[in-house]
Amino acid sequence: MGTRVRQTPVVDGERFRQALGRHAAGVVVVTGPGLVGLTATSFTSVSLDPPLVSFCVARTSTTWPDLRKAATFAVNVLATDQAEIASRFSVRGIDRFGPPTSWRPGPGEVPILDGTAAHLLCEPYDTIAMGDHWLVVGLVVDTGLGSPAVPLLYHRGRYGRFNPHSG
């Protein structure tokens, strides 16, 4: 399937942002060797066979060029009490891995954040230019389950938690 030729005008960028803000998304921090990492809310599973996941990163990211070189990277699924970590990994010009961030080296010296709900160790599978972002697909080669904590969510520009419906 090729690129579709647009027949109608596209929605205004601010209106698009507002509509997407109504969608709650899980929050992950993607980390790689050399102590690089970034926050993403566009994380999703892609395939079970082979096991693939994806996330999107802005083309303007100053972290992505270093992370893109990694032979392996980790997707750290943040727990509800890790909003500060999510914020920290979205700010430029700071030591994201310094205190209070707690982490340990994983396979291939990939940083694994402590206290997460889970992490997925991935090898790069594909990277595709999509508008003003890169769509990054990773092949999951290992996983780790952390605490049974509730995952951190992002909704309308704020971090929050999932409250399961009891019905």
N, C-alpha and C. Protein backbone atom coordinates (compact mmCIF):
# COMPACT_ATOMS: atom_id res chain seq x y z
N MET A 1 0.83 -1.17 0.00
CA MET A 1 0.00 0.00 0.00
C MET A 1 0.88 1.24 0.00
N GLY A 2 0.68 2.13 -0.93
CA GLY A 2 1.49 3.33 -1.04
C GLY A 2 0.91 4.48 -0.23
N THR A 3 1.54 5.62 -0.35
CA THR A 3 1.06 6.81 0.33
C THR A 3 -0.21 7.29 -0.34
N ARG A 4 -1.20 7.55 0.46
CA ARG A 4 -2.51 7.98 -0.04
C ARG A 4 -2.48 9.46 -0.41
N VAL A 5 -3.07 9.81 -1.53
CA VAL A 5 -3.20 11.20 -1.93
C VAL A 5 -4.39 11.78 -1.18
N ARG A 6 -4.18 12.89 -0.53
CA ARG A 6 -5.22 13.51 0.29
C ARG A 6 -6.31 14.12 -0.59
N GLN A 7 -7.56 13.79 -0.27
CA GLN A 7 -8.71 14.30 -1.00
C GLN A 7 -9.37 15.47 -0.29
N THR A 8 -9.23 15.51 1.04
CA THR A 8 -9.87 16.55 1.83
C THR A 8 -8.84 17.25 2.69
N PRO A 9 -9.17 18.47 3.17
CA PRO A 9 -8.21 19.17 4.02
C PRO A 9 -7.99 18.42 5.34
N VAL A 10 -6.82 18.58 5.93
CA VAL A 10 -6.54 17.94 7.22
C VAL A 10 -7.01 18.84 8.35
N VAL A 11 -7.21 18.24 9.51
CA VAL A 11 -7.67 18.97 10.68
C VAL A 11 -6.56 19.90 11.18
N ASP A 12 -6.97 21.00 11.78
CA ASP A 12 -6.06 21.95 12.39
C ASP A 12 -5.23 21.26 13.48
N GLY A 13 -3.93 21.57 13.58
CA GLY A 13 -3.03 20.92 14.52
C GLY A 13 -3.46 21.02 15.96
N GLU A 14 -3.95 22.19 16.39
CA GLU A 14 -4.36 22.34 17.79
C GLU A 14 -5.62 21.52 18.08
N ARG A 15 -6.54 21.48 17.14
CA ARG A 15 -7.76 20.69 17.33
C ARG A 15 -7.41 19.19 17.39
N PHE A 16 -6.47 18.77 16.55
CA PHE A 16 -6.00 17.39 16.54
C PHE A 16 -5.39 17.05 17.91
N ARG A 17 -4.55 17.94 18.43
CA ARG A 17 -3.90 17.73 19.74
C ARG A 17 -4.95 17.60 20.84
N GLN A 18 -5.97 18.45 20.80
CA GLN A 18 -7.03 18.41 21.80
C GLN A 18 -7.79 17.08 21.75
N ALA A 19 -8.09 16.63 20.55
CA ALA A 19 -8.81 15.36 20.41
C ALA A 19 -7.98 14.20 20.93
N LEU A 20 -6.68 14.16 20.60
CA LEU A 20 -5.82 13.09 21.08
C LEU A 20 -5.62 13.14 22.59
N GLY A 21 -5.73 14.34 23.17
CA GLY A 21 -5.62 14.49 24.61
C GLY A 21 -6.72 13.78 25.37
N ARG A 22 -7.78 13.43 24.68
CA ARG A 22 -8.89 12.70 25.32
C ARG A 22 -8.62 11.20 25.39
N HIS A 23 -7.55 10.77 24.76
CA HIS A 23 -7.18 9.35 24.77
C HIS A 23 -6.13 9.13 25.86
N ALA A 24 -6.41 8.23 26.78
CA ALA A 24 -5.43 7.89 27.81
C ALA A 24 -4.39 6.94 27.22
N ALA A 25 -3.14 7.20 27.51
CA ALA A 25 -2.05 6.37 26.98
C ALA A 25 -1.13 5.92 28.10
N GLY A 26 -0.60 4.72 27.96
CA GLY A 26 0.41 4.24 28.89
C GLY A 26 1.69 5.02 28.69
N VAL A 27 2.51 5.08 29.72
CA VAL A 27 3.75 5.85 29.67
C VAL A 27 4.95 4.91 29.82
N VAL A 28 5.90 5.05 28.91
CA VAL A 28 7.13 4.26 28.97
C VAL A 28 8.33 5.19 28.88
N VAL A 29 9.46 4.70 29.36
CA VAL A 29 10.74 5.35 29.14
C VAL A 29 11.60 4.36 28.37
N VAL A 30 12.07 4.78 27.20
CA VAL A 30 12.93 3.95 26.37
C VAL A 30 14.37 4.32 26.70
N THR A 31 15.17 3.31 27.06
CA THR A 31 16.56 3.54 27.46
C THR A 31 17.51 2.73 26.59
N GLY A 32 18.74 3.24 26.49
CA GLY A 32 19.76 2.54 25.72
C GLY A 32 21.13 2.73 26.32
N PRO A 33 22.12 1.95 25.82
CA PRO A 33 23.49 2.05 26.33
C PRO A 33 24.02 3.48 26.18
N GLY A 34 24.95 3.83 27.05
CA GLY A 34 25.50 5.17 27.02
C GLY A 34 24.64 6.14 27.81
N LEU A 35 23.72 5.58 28.59
CA LEU A 35 22.81 6.36 29.42
C LEU A 35 22.01 7.37 28.61
N VAL A 36 21.26 6.85 27.66
CA VAL A 36 20.32 7.67 26.91
C VAL A 36 18.91 7.15 27.18
N GLY A 37 17.95 8.05 27.17
CA GLY A 37 16.58 7.64 27.41
C GLY A 37 15.61 8.77 27.12
N LEU A 38 14.37 8.37 26.81
CA LEU A 38 13.32 9.35 26.53
C LEU A 38 11.97 8.79 26.93
N THR A 39 11.04 9.68 27.21
CA THR A 39 9.67 9.31 27.57
C THR A 39 8.84 9.20 26.30
N ALA A 40 7.97 8.18 26.25
CA ALA A 40 7.05 8.01 25.11
C ALA A 40 5.68 7.60 25.61
N THR A 41 4.64 8.15 25.00
CA THR A 41 3.27 7.75 25.32
C THR A 41 2.60 7.12 24.11
N SER A 42 3.40 6.88 23.08
CA SER A 42 2.86 6.29 21.85
C SER A 42 3.22 4.81 21.73
N PHE A 43 3.50 4.17 22.84
CA PHE A 43 3.92 2.78 22.86
C PHE A 43 2.75 1.83 22.62
N THR A 44 2.97 0.79 21.82
CA THR A 44 1.93 -0.22 21.60
C THR A 44 2.55 -1.54 21.15
N SER A 45 1.80 -2.61 21.33
CA SER A 45 2.23 -3.90 20.78
C SER A 45 1.89 -3.90 19.29
N VAL A 46 2.68 -4.63 18.51
CA VAL A 46 2.49 -4.68 17.06
C VAL A 46 2.16 -6.10 16.62
N SER A 47 2.90 -7.07 17.15
CA SER A 47 2.76 -8.45 16.69
C SER A 47 3.16 -9.41 17.80
N LEU A 48 2.51 -10.57 17.83
CA LEU A 48 2.91 -11.63 18.77
C LEU A 48 3.93 -12.57 18.15
N ASP A 49 3.87 -12.75 16.84
CA ASP A 49 4.78 -13.67 16.15
C ASP A 49 5.27 -13.04 14.85
N PRO A 50 6.44 -12.41 14.87
CA PRO A 50 7.39 -12.30 15.98
C PRO A 50 6.91 -11.25 16.99
N PRO A 51 7.45 -11.29 18.21
CA PRO A 51 7.04 -10.34 19.22
C PRO A 51 7.59 -8.94 18.93
N LEU A 52 6.72 -8.04 18.50
CA LEU A 52 7.13 -6.68 18.12
C LEU A 52 6.34 -5.64 18.90
N VAL A 53 7.02 -4.56 19.25
CA VAL A 53 6.40 -3.40 19.88
C VAL A 53 6.84 -2.16 19.10
N SER A 54 6.12 -1.04 19.32
CA SER A 54 6.52 0.19 18.65
C SER A 54 6.31 1.39 19.56
N PHE A 55 7.01 2.46 19.23
CA PHE A 55 6.81 3.76 19.87
C PHE A 55 7.18 4.81 18.82
N CYS A 56 6.74 6.02 19.05
CA CYS A 56 7.07 7.12 18.14
C CYS A 56 7.94 8.13 18.87
N VAL A 57 8.83 8.74 18.13
CA VAL A 57 9.71 9.76 18.69
C VAL A 57 9.80 10.92 17.69
N ALA A 58 9.72 12.13 18.20
CA ALA A 58 9.78 13.32 17.35
C ALA A 58 11.11 13.40 16.61
N ARG A 59 11.06 13.82 15.37
CA ARG A 59 12.29 13.98 14.59
C ARG A 59 13.20 15.03 15.20
N THR A 60 12.64 15.93 16.01
CA THR A 60 13.42 16.98 16.66
C THR A 60 14.10 16.50 17.95
N SER A 61 13.86 15.26 18.35
CA SER A 61 14.45 14.74 19.58
C SER A 61 15.97 14.81 19.52
N THR A 62 16.57 15.33 20.58
CA THR A 62 18.03 15.37 20.65
C THR A 62 18.59 14.06 21.22
N THR A 63 17.73 13.24 21.80
CA THR A 63 18.14 11.95 22.36
C THR A 63 18.13 10.86 21.29
N TRP A 64 17.19 10.94 20.35
CA TRP A 64 17.01 9.87 19.37
C TRP A 64 18.27 9.53 18.58
N PRO A 65 19.07 10.49 18.10
CA PRO A 65 20.26 10.09 17.34
C PRO A 65 21.17 9.12 18.08
N ASP A 66 21.35 9.30 19.39
CA ASP A 66 22.17 8.37 20.17
C ASP A 66 21.45 7.05 20.42
N LEU A 67 20.17 7.11 20.72
CA LEU A 67 19.39 5.90 20.98
C LEU A 67 19.26 5.06 19.71
N ARG A 68 19.18 5.71 18.57
CA ARG A 68 19.03 5.00 17.29
C ARG A 68 20.22 4.10 16.99
N LYS A 69 21.39 4.42 17.51
CA LYS A 69 22.61 3.64 17.27
C LYS A 69 22.67 2.36 18.09
N ALA A 70 21.80 2.23 19.09
CA ALA A 70 21.87 1.12 20.04
C ALA A 70 21.54 -0.22 19.39
N ALA A 71 22.31 -1.24 19.73
CA ALA A 71 22.04 -2.61 19.26
C ALA A 71 20.88 -3.22 20.03
N THR A 72 20.66 -2.74 21.25
CA THR A 72 19.51 -3.14 22.06
C THR A 72 19.01 -1.93 22.83
N PHE A 73 17.73 -1.94 23.16
CA PHE A 73 17.16 -0.89 23.99
C PHE A 73 16.09 -1.51 24.87
N ALA A 74 15.73 -0.79 25.92
CA ALA A 74 14.70 -1.29 26.84
C ALA A 74 13.51 -0.34 26.82
N VAL A 75 12.33 -0.93 26.83
CA VAL A 75 11.10 -0.17 27.03
C VAL A 75 10.68 -0.43 28.46
N ASN A 76 10.75 0.60 29.30
CA ASN A 76 10.42 0.50 30.71
C ASN A 76 8.98 0.98 30.90
N VAL A 77 8.08 0.08 31.26
CA VAL A 77 6.68 0.41 31.46
C VAL A 77 6.54 1.00 32.87
N LEU A 78 6.24 2.29 32.94
CA LEU A 78 6.24 2.97 34.23
C LEU A 78 5.02 2.62 35.07
N ALA A 79 5.25 2.59 36.38
CA ALA A 79 4.19 2.34 37.36
C ALA A 79 3.60 3.69 37.79
N THR A 80 2.43 3.62 38.39
CA THR A 80 1.69 4.82 38.77
C THR A 80 2.50 5.82 39.60
N ASP A 81 3.41 5.34 40.43
CA ASP A 81 4.18 6.25 41.28
C ASP A 81 5.43 6.80 40.60
N GLN A 82 5.55 6.65 39.27
CA GLN A 82 6.75 7.08 38.57
C GLN A 82 6.52 8.28 37.63
N ALA A 83 5.55 9.12 37.96
CA ALA A 83 5.29 10.31 37.15
C ALA A 83 6.51 11.22 37.10
N GLU A 84 7.23 11.31 38.21
CA GLU A 84 8.44 12.16 38.25
C GLU A 84 9.49 11.64 37.26
N ILE A 85 9.61 10.33 37.15
CA ILE A 85 10.56 9.73 36.19
C ILE A 85 10.13 10.07 34.76
N ALA A 86 8.84 9.95 34.48
CA ALA A 86 8.33 10.29 33.14
C ALA A 86 8.66 11.73 32.81
N SER A 87 8.43 12.63 33.74
CA SER A 87 8.74 14.05 33.51
C SER A 87 10.23 14.26 33.33
N ARG A 88 11.02 13.60 34.14
CA ARG A 88 12.48 13.76 34.09
C ARG A 88 13.05 13.36 32.73
N PHE A 89 12.53 12.27 32.16
CA PHE A 89 13.06 11.78 30.88
C PHE A 89 12.47 12.54 29.68
N SER A 90 11.63 13.52 29.95
CA SER A 90 11.11 14.34 28.86
C SER A 90 11.74 15.73 28.83
N VAL A 91 12.63 16.00 29.78
CA VAL A 91 13.29 17.30 29.88
C VAL A 91 14.68 17.22 29.25
N ARG A 92 15.02 18.24 28.48
CA ARG A 92 16.36 18.29 27.87
C ARG A 92 17.38 18.92 28.81
N GLY A 93 18.64 18.53 28.62
CA GLY A 93 19.74 19.19 29.31
C GLY A 93 19.95 18.84 30.77
N ILE A 94 19.38 17.72 31.23
CA ILE A 94 19.61 17.30 32.62
C ILE A 94 20.17 15.87 32.61
N ASP A 95 20.75 15.47 33.74
CA ASP A 95 21.22 14.10 33.90
C ASP A 95 20.00 13.25 34.29
N ARG A 96 19.40 12.63 33.31
CA ARG A 96 18.17 11.86 33.52
C ARG A 96 18.40 10.63 34.40
N PHE A 97 19.63 10.11 34.40
CA PHE A 97 19.94 8.89 35.15
C PHE A 97 20.51 9.17 36.54
N GLY A 98 20.74 10.45 36.86
CA GLY A 98 21.23 10.82 38.19
C GLY A 98 20.11 10.73 39.22
N PRO A 99 20.46 10.90 40.50
CA PRO A 99 19.43 10.86 41.54
C PRO A 99 18.34 11.89 41.23
N PRO A 100 17.10 11.53 41.45
CA PRO A 100 16.58 10.38 42.19
C PRO A 100 16.29 9.15 41.32
N THR A 101 16.69 9.15 40.05
CA THR A 101 16.44 7.99 39.18
C THR A 101 17.22 6.79 39.70
N SER A 102 16.54 5.67 39.85
CA SER A 102 17.17 4.43 40.31
C SER A 102 17.11 3.43 39.16
N TRP A 103 18.27 2.86 38.82
CA TRP A 103 18.34 1.94 37.68
C TRP A 103 19.50 0.97 37.88
N ARG A 104 19.52 -0.06 37.03
CA ARG A 104 20.61 -1.03 37.05
C ARG A 104 20.97 -1.36 35.60
N PRO A 105 22.21 -1.76 35.36
CA PRO A 105 22.58 -2.13 33.98
C PRO A 105 22.00 -3.50 33.62
N GLY A 106 21.39 -3.58 32.47
CA GLY A 106 20.85 -4.84 31.96
C GLY A 106 21.76 -5.40 30.89
N PRO A 107 21.28 -6.37 30.14
CA PRO A 107 22.09 -6.94 29.05
C PRO A 107 22.55 -5.87 28.08
N GLY A 108 23.79 -5.97 27.66
CA GLY A 108 24.34 -5.00 26.72
C GLY A 108 24.47 -3.61 27.30
N GLU A 109 24.54 -3.52 28.64
CA GLU A 109 24.65 -2.25 29.36
C GLU A 109 23.45 -1.33 29.12
N VAL A 110 22.31 -1.91 28.80
CA VAL A 110 21.08 -1.14 28.64
C VAL A 110 20.52 -0.84 30.03
N PRO A 111 20.30 0.42 30.36
CA PRO A 111 19.74 0.75 31.67
C PRO A 111 18.31 0.23 31.83
N ILE A 112 18.05 -0.44 32.94
CA ILE A 112 16.72 -0.91 33.30
C ILE A 112 16.30 -0.10 34.53
N LEU A 113 15.20 0.61 34.41
CA LEU A 113 14.74 1.44 35.52
C LEU A 113 14.14 0.57 36.62
N ASP A 114 14.42 0.92 37.86
CA ASP A 114 13.88 0.20 39.02
C ASP A 114 12.44 0.65 39.28
N GLY A 115 11.63 -0.25 39.84
CA GLY A 115 10.29 0.08 40.27
C GLY A 115 9.24 0.11 39.16
N THR A 116 9.61 -0.32 37.97
CA THR A 116 8.66 -0.30 36.85
C THR A 116 7.69 -1.48 36.96
N ALA A 117 6.59 -1.37 36.22
CA ALA A 117 5.63 -2.47 36.15
C ALA A 117 6.21 -3.63 35.34
N ALA A 118 7.01 -3.28 34.32
CA ALA A 118 7.64 -4.29 33.46
C ALA A 118 8.69 -3.59 32.60
N HIS A 119 9.55 -4.41 31.99
CA HIS A 119 10.44 -3.87 30.95
C HIS A 119 10.55 -4.91 29.83
N LEU A 120 10.79 -4.40 28.64
CA LEU A 120 10.96 -5.25 27.47
C LEU A 120 12.31 -4.90 26.84
N LEU A 121 13.18 -5.88 26.71
CA LEU A 121 14.46 -5.68 26.06
C LEU A 121 14.26 -5.94 24.58
N CYS A 122 14.67 -5.00 23.74
CA CYS A 122 14.39 -5.08 22.30
C CYS A 122 15.64 -4.89 21.46
N GLU A 123 15.60 -5.48 20.28
CA GLU A 123 16.57 -5.18 19.23
C GLU A 123 15.84 -4.36 18.18
N PRO A 124 16.52 -3.39 17.56
CA PRO A 124 15.86 -2.61 16.51
C PRO A 124 15.36 -3.52 15.39
N TYR A 125 14.15 -3.30 14.96
CA TYR A 125 13.54 -4.11 13.89
C TYR A 125 13.30 -3.26 12.65
N ASP A 126 12.76 -2.06 12.84
CA ASP A 126 12.53 -1.15 11.72
C ASP A 126 12.31 0.26 12.27
N THR A 127 12.68 1.23 11.49
CA THR A 127 12.41 2.64 11.81
C THR A 127 11.90 3.28 10.53
N ILE A 128 10.74 3.92 10.65
CA ILE A 128 10.06 4.46 9.47
C ILE A 128 9.72 5.93 9.72
N ALA A 129 10.04 6.78 8.76
CA ALA A 129 9.67 8.19 8.85
C ALA A 129 8.16 8.31 8.68
N MET A 130 7.52 8.97 9.64
CA MET A 130 6.07 9.19 9.61
C MET A 130 5.80 10.64 9.99
N GLY A 131 5.55 11.48 9.01
CA GLY A 131 5.28 12.89 9.30
C GLY A 131 6.45 13.50 10.06
N ASP A 132 6.15 14.13 11.20
CA ASP A 132 7.20 14.78 11.98
C ASP A 132 7.80 13.87 13.06
N HIS A 133 7.52 12.56 12.96
CA HIS A 133 8.02 11.58 13.92
C HIS A 133 8.70 10.40 13.21
N TRP A 134 9.43 9.63 14.00
CA TRP A 134 9.93 8.32 13.58
C TRP A 134 9.05 7.27 14.24
N LEU A 135 8.62 6.29 13.49
CA LEU A 135 7.93 5.13 14.04
C LEU A 135 9.01 4.07 14.24
N VAL A 136 9.25 3.69 15.48
CA VAL A 136 10.31 2.76 15.82
C VAL A 136 9.68 1.43 16.22
N VAL A 137 10.11 0.35 15.58
CA VAL A 137 9.61 -0.99 15.88
C VAL A 137 10.77 -1.80 16.46
N GLY A 138 10.51 -2.45 17.59
CA GLY A 138 11.53 -3.27 18.24
C GLY A 138 11.10 -4.72 18.33
N LEU A 139 12.06 -5.62 18.15
CA LEU A 139 11.85 -7.06 18.32
C LEU A 139 12.14 -7.37 19.79
N VAL A 140 11.16 -7.88 20.51
CA VAL A 140 11.32 -8.16 21.94
C VAL A 140 12.10 -9.46 22.11
N VAL A 141 13.26 -9.36 22.78
CA VAL A 141 14.12 -10.53 22.98
C VAL A 141 14.11 -11.02 24.43
N ASP A 142 13.57 -10.19 25.35
CA ASP A 142 13.48 -10.59 26.74
C ASP A 142 12.50 -9.64 27.44
N THR A 143 11.93 -10.10 28.54
CA THR A 143 11.04 -9.25 29.33
C THR A 143 11.35 -9.46 30.80
N GLY A 144 10.93 -8.49 31.58
CA GLY A 144 11.03 -8.60 33.02
C GLY A 144 9.79 -7.99 33.63
N LEU A 145 9.20 -8.72 34.57
CA LEU A 145 8.02 -8.21 35.25
C LEU A 145 8.44 -7.62 36.57
N GLY A 146 8.07 -6.38 36.80
CA GLY A 146 8.41 -5.71 38.04
C GLY A 146 7.31 -5.92 39.06
N SER A 147 7.06 -4.88 39.78
CA SER A 147 6.00 -4.95 40.80
C SER A 147 4.65 -5.09 40.10
N PRO A 148 3.65 -5.60 40.81
CA PRO A 148 2.32 -5.70 40.22
C PRO A 148 1.61 -4.34 40.24
N ALA A 149 2.39 -3.28 40.19
CA ALA A 149 1.87 -1.92 40.28
C ALA A 149 0.95 -1.58 39.11
N VAL A 150 0.06 -0.67 39.37
CA VAL A 150 -0.82 -0.15 38.33
C VAL A 150 0.02 0.71 37.39
N PRO A 151 -0.20 0.63 36.07
CA PRO A 151 0.62 1.41 35.15
C PRO A 151 0.29 2.91 35.19
N LEU A 152 1.28 3.71 34.88
CA LEU A 152 1.11 5.16 34.79
C LEU A 152 0.43 5.48 33.47
N LEU A 153 -0.53 6.40 33.50
CA LEU A 153 -1.24 6.83 32.29
C LEU A 153 -1.01 8.32 32.06
N TYR A 154 -1.19 8.73 30.81
CA TYR A 154 -1.09 10.13 30.42
C TYR A 154 -2.41 10.51 29.75
N HIS A 155 -3.05 11.56 30.26
CA HIS A 155 -4.36 11.97 29.75
C HIS A 155 -4.52 13.47 29.92
N ARG A 156 -4.89 14.15 28.82
CA ARG A 156 -5.10 15.61 28.84
C ARG A 156 -3.92 16.36 29.44
N GLY A 157 -2.72 15.94 29.07
CA GLY A 157 -1.52 16.64 29.51
C GLY A 157 -1.08 16.38 30.93
N ARG A 158 -1.68 15.38 31.58
CA ARG A 158 -1.34 15.08 32.97
C ARG A 158 -1.15 13.58 33.16
N TYR A 159 -0.34 13.22 34.17
CA TYR A 159 -0.15 11.83 34.53
C TYR A 159 -1.22 11.42 35.53
N GLY A 160 -1.60 10.14 35.47
CA GLY A 160 -2.61 9.65 36.39
C GLY A 160 -2.55 8.14 36.50
N ARG A 161 -3.62 7.57 37.06
CA ARG A 161 -3.64 6.14 37.30
C ARG A 161 -4.92 5.53 36.74
N PHE A 162 -4.89 4.23 36.58
CA PHE A 162 -6.02 3.46 36.09
C PHE A 162 -6.82 2.98 37.30
N ASN A 163 -8.12 3.23 37.27
CA ASN A 163 -9.01 2.72 38.31
C ASN A 163 -9.94 1.72 37.66
N PRO A 164 -9.72 0.43 37.87
CA PRO A 164 -10.54 -0.59 37.20
C PRO A 164 -12.01 -0.48 37.56
N HIS A 165 -12.83 -0.75 36.59
CA HIS A 165 -14.27 -0.78 36.79
C HIS A 165 -14.63 -2.08 37.50
N SER A 166 -15.43 -2.01 38.51
CA SER A 166 -15.75 -3.21 39.29
C SER A 166 -16.94 -3.98 38.77
N GLY A 167 -17.56 -3.51 37.68
CA GLY A 167 -18.77 -4.17 37.17
C GLY A 167 -18.45 -5.24 36.26
